[in-house]
Amino acid sequence: MPRAAKETPIRVLIAKPGLDGHDRGAKVVARALRDAGMEVIYAGLRQTPEEIVRAALEEDVDLIGLSILSGAHMALFPRILTLLKKEKAGNIPVFAGGIIPDEDARRLKKAGIRAIFGPGTSLEEIVTTARQLARGSA
């Protein structure tokens, strides 16, 4: 039974993969998820795909949120998905936000990223989608 169905808080890992040093958006999303009752683990800046997957497994998260502005999303996000599958954790939904062109967003969704949020997305939409993803209804 999913953690959310047992009425325990949804656990979400927020991470900044790659060399991107801008984390304001990730921190705003982390705070919104926390304020919505989720347990948020913030992995911080400059995380490798391996570090992100290791943290997700160690923290037993229900959901992973990635934030990127550097343009390296087409290299880093698929690597994270591949590592999750390799660790038999491909069932952990991954969502992303940042500066991601529409064509790249379509390709990333086909690869397995469950939701992608661009600049200007409301925090309410992100929180609602995160809940749906954690419950398996999105």
Protein backbone atom coordinates (compact mmCIF):
# COMPACT_ATOMS: atom_id res chain seq x y z
CA MET A 1 0.00 0.00 0.00
CA PRO A 2 1.48 3.41 -0.92
CA ARG A 3 2.65 5.54 1.97
CA ALA A 4 0.11 8.28 1.14
CA ALA A 5 -2.77 5.79 1.42
CA LYS A 6 -1.68 5.02 5.00
CA GLU A 7 -2.04 8.71 5.81
CA THR A 8 1.62 9.20 6.57
CA PRO A 9 3.22 12.24 4.98
CA ILE A 10 4.44 12.00 1.43
CA ARG A 11 8.25 11.99 1.39
CA VAL A 12 9.79 13.94 -1.47
CA LEU A 13 13.41 14.51 -2.41
CA ILE A 14 14.17 17.84 -4.08
CA ALA A 15 17.52 17.93 -5.88
CA LYS A 16 19.57 20.17 -8.15
CA PRO A 17 21.52 17.93 -10.54
CA GLY A 18 24.64 19.07 -12.32
CA LEU A 19 26.60 22.27 -12.03
CA ASP A 20 23.62 24.63 -11.81
CA GLY A 21 24.16 26.98 -8.87
CA HIS A 22 20.73 28.63 -8.76
CA ASP A 23 18.44 27.08 -6.17
CA ARG A 24 15.85 29.73 -5.34
CA GLY A 25 13.10 27.98 -7.31
CA ALA A 26 13.91 24.59 -5.79
CA LYS A 27 13.76 26.08 -2.30
CA VAL A 28 10.43 27.78 -3.02
CA VAL A 29 8.97 24.49 -4.27
CA ALA A 30 10.44 22.61 -1.29
CA ARG A 31 8.83 25.08 1.10
CA ALA A 32 5.46 24.84 -0.67
CA LEU A 33 5.52 21.04 -0.49
CA ARG A 34 6.51 21.19 3.18
CA ASP A 35 3.75 23.71 3.93
CA ALA A 36 1.31 21.30 2.22
CA GLY A 37 2.23 18.62 4.77
CA MET A 38 4.89 16.68 2.90
CA GLU A 39 8.23 15.63 4.34
CA VAL A 40 10.84 17.28 2.14
CA ILE A 41 14.45 16.22 1.90
CA TYR A 42 16.47 18.92 0.13
CA ALA A 43 19.61 17.39 -1.38
CA GLY A 44 21.15 20.72 -2.26
CA LEU A 45 23.19 22.01 -5.16
CA ARG A 46 25.47 20.23 -7.62
CA GLN A 47 24.25 16.70 -7.07
CA THR A 48 25.30 13.89 -9.40
CA PRO A 49 22.66 11.50 -10.70
CA GLU A 50 24.25 8.80 -8.52
CA GLU A 51 23.98 10.97 -5.40
CA ILE A 52 20.35 11.77 -6.13
CA VAL A 53 19.38 8.13 -6.60
CA ARG A 54 21.33 7.07 -3.50
CA ALA A 55 19.59 9.76 -1.42
CA ALA A 56 16.17 8.74 -2.77
CA LEU A 57 16.80 5.13 -1.78
CA GLU A 58 18.30 5.93 1.62
CA GLU A 59 15.48 8.32 2.47
CA ASP A 60 12.77 5.95 1.17
CA VAL A 61 11.05 8.73 -0.75
CA ASP A 62 7.73 8.53 -2.54
CA LEU A 63 8.67 11.16 -5.11
CA ILE A 64 11.70 12.94 -6.61
CA GLY A 65 11.65 16.55 -7.77
CA LEU A 66 14.48 17.86 -9.94
CA SER A 67 15.24 21.49 -10.66
CA ILE A 68 17.53 22.65 -13.44
CA LEU A 69 18.43 25.87 -15.20
CA SER A 70 21.77 24.89 -16.73
CA GLY A 71 20.51 23.21 -19.90
CA ALA A 72 21.93 19.80 -18.99
CA HIS A 73 18.52 18.21 -18.45
CA MET A 74 18.75 15.96 -21.54
CA ALA A 75 21.88 14.32 -20.14
CA LEU A 76 21.14 14.30 -16.41
CA PHE A 77 17.44 13.42 -16.19
CA PRO A 78 17.61 10.26 -18.35
CA ARG A 79 20.67 9.16 -16.35
CA ILE A 80 18.68 9.50 -13.11
CA LEU A 81 15.82 7.46 -14.59
CA THR A 82 18.27 4.78 -15.77
CA LEU A 83 19.89 4.56 -12.34
CA LEU A 84 16.50 4.29 -10.63
CA LYS A 85 15.57 1.38 -12.90
CA LYS A 86 18.94 -0.26 -12.29
CA GLU A 87 18.28 -0.04 -8.53
CA LYS A 88 14.79 -1.49 -9.05
CA ALA A 89 13.31 1.85 -7.97
CA GLY A 90 11.88 2.89 -11.32
CA ASN A 91 8.47 3.09 -9.67
CA ILE A 92 9.46 6.30 -7.83
CA PRO A 93 7.81 9.11 -9.82
CA VAL A 94 10.12 11.91 -10.92
CA PHE A 95 8.99 15.45 -11.72
CA ALA A 96 11.09 18.37 -12.90
CA GLY A 97 11.10 22.11 -13.17
CA GLY A 98 13.23 24.82 -14.65
CA ILE A 99 14.13 26.10 -18.06
CA ILE A 100 13.25 23.16 -20.31
CA PRO A 101 12.24 23.79 -23.94
CA ASP A 102 8.94 22.25 -25.04
CA GLU A 103 10.55 19.73 -27.41
CA ASP A 104 12.90 18.56 -24.65
CA ALA A 105 9.97 18.35 -22.23
CA ARG A 106 8.11 16.05 -24.64
CA ARG A 107 11.17 13.82 -24.97
CA LEU A 108 11.74 13.73 -21.22
CA LYS A 109 8.12 12.77 -20.58
CA LYS A 110 8.47 9.92 -23.08
CA ALA A 111 11.61 8.86 -21.20
CA GLY A 112 9.70 8.72 -17.92
CA ILE A 113 9.70 12.14 -16.26
CA ARG A 114 6.12 12.29 -14.99
CA ALA A 115 5.56 16.07 -14.93
CA ILE A 116 7.52 19.12 -16.01
CA PHE A 117 6.91 22.62 -14.68
CA GLY A 118 8.20 25.75 -16.34
CA PRO A 119 8.61 29.28 -15.05
CA GLY A 120 5.36 30.76 -13.78
CA THR A 121 3.75 27.46 -12.78
CA SER A 122 1.67 28.01 -9.67
CA LEU A 123 2.78 26.37 -6.46
CA GLU A 124 -0.76 25.05 -6.09
CA GLU A 125 -0.40 23.15 -9.38
CA ILE A 126 2.94 21.71 -8.31
CA VAL A 127 1.60 20.60 -4.92
CA THR A 128 -1.52 19.06 -6.47
CA THR A 129 0.50 17.20 -9.09
CA ALA A 130 3.02 15.99 -6.49
CA ARG A 131 0.18 14.54 -4.40
CA GLN A 132 -1.30 12.82 -7.45
CA LEU A 133 2.05 11.38 -8.48
CA ALA A 134 2.78 10.08 -4.98
CA ARG A 135 -0.66 8.44 -4.87
CA GLY A 136 -0.27 6.94 -8.32
CA SER A 137 -3.20 8.87 -9.75
CA ALA A 138 -1.33 11.07 -12.24
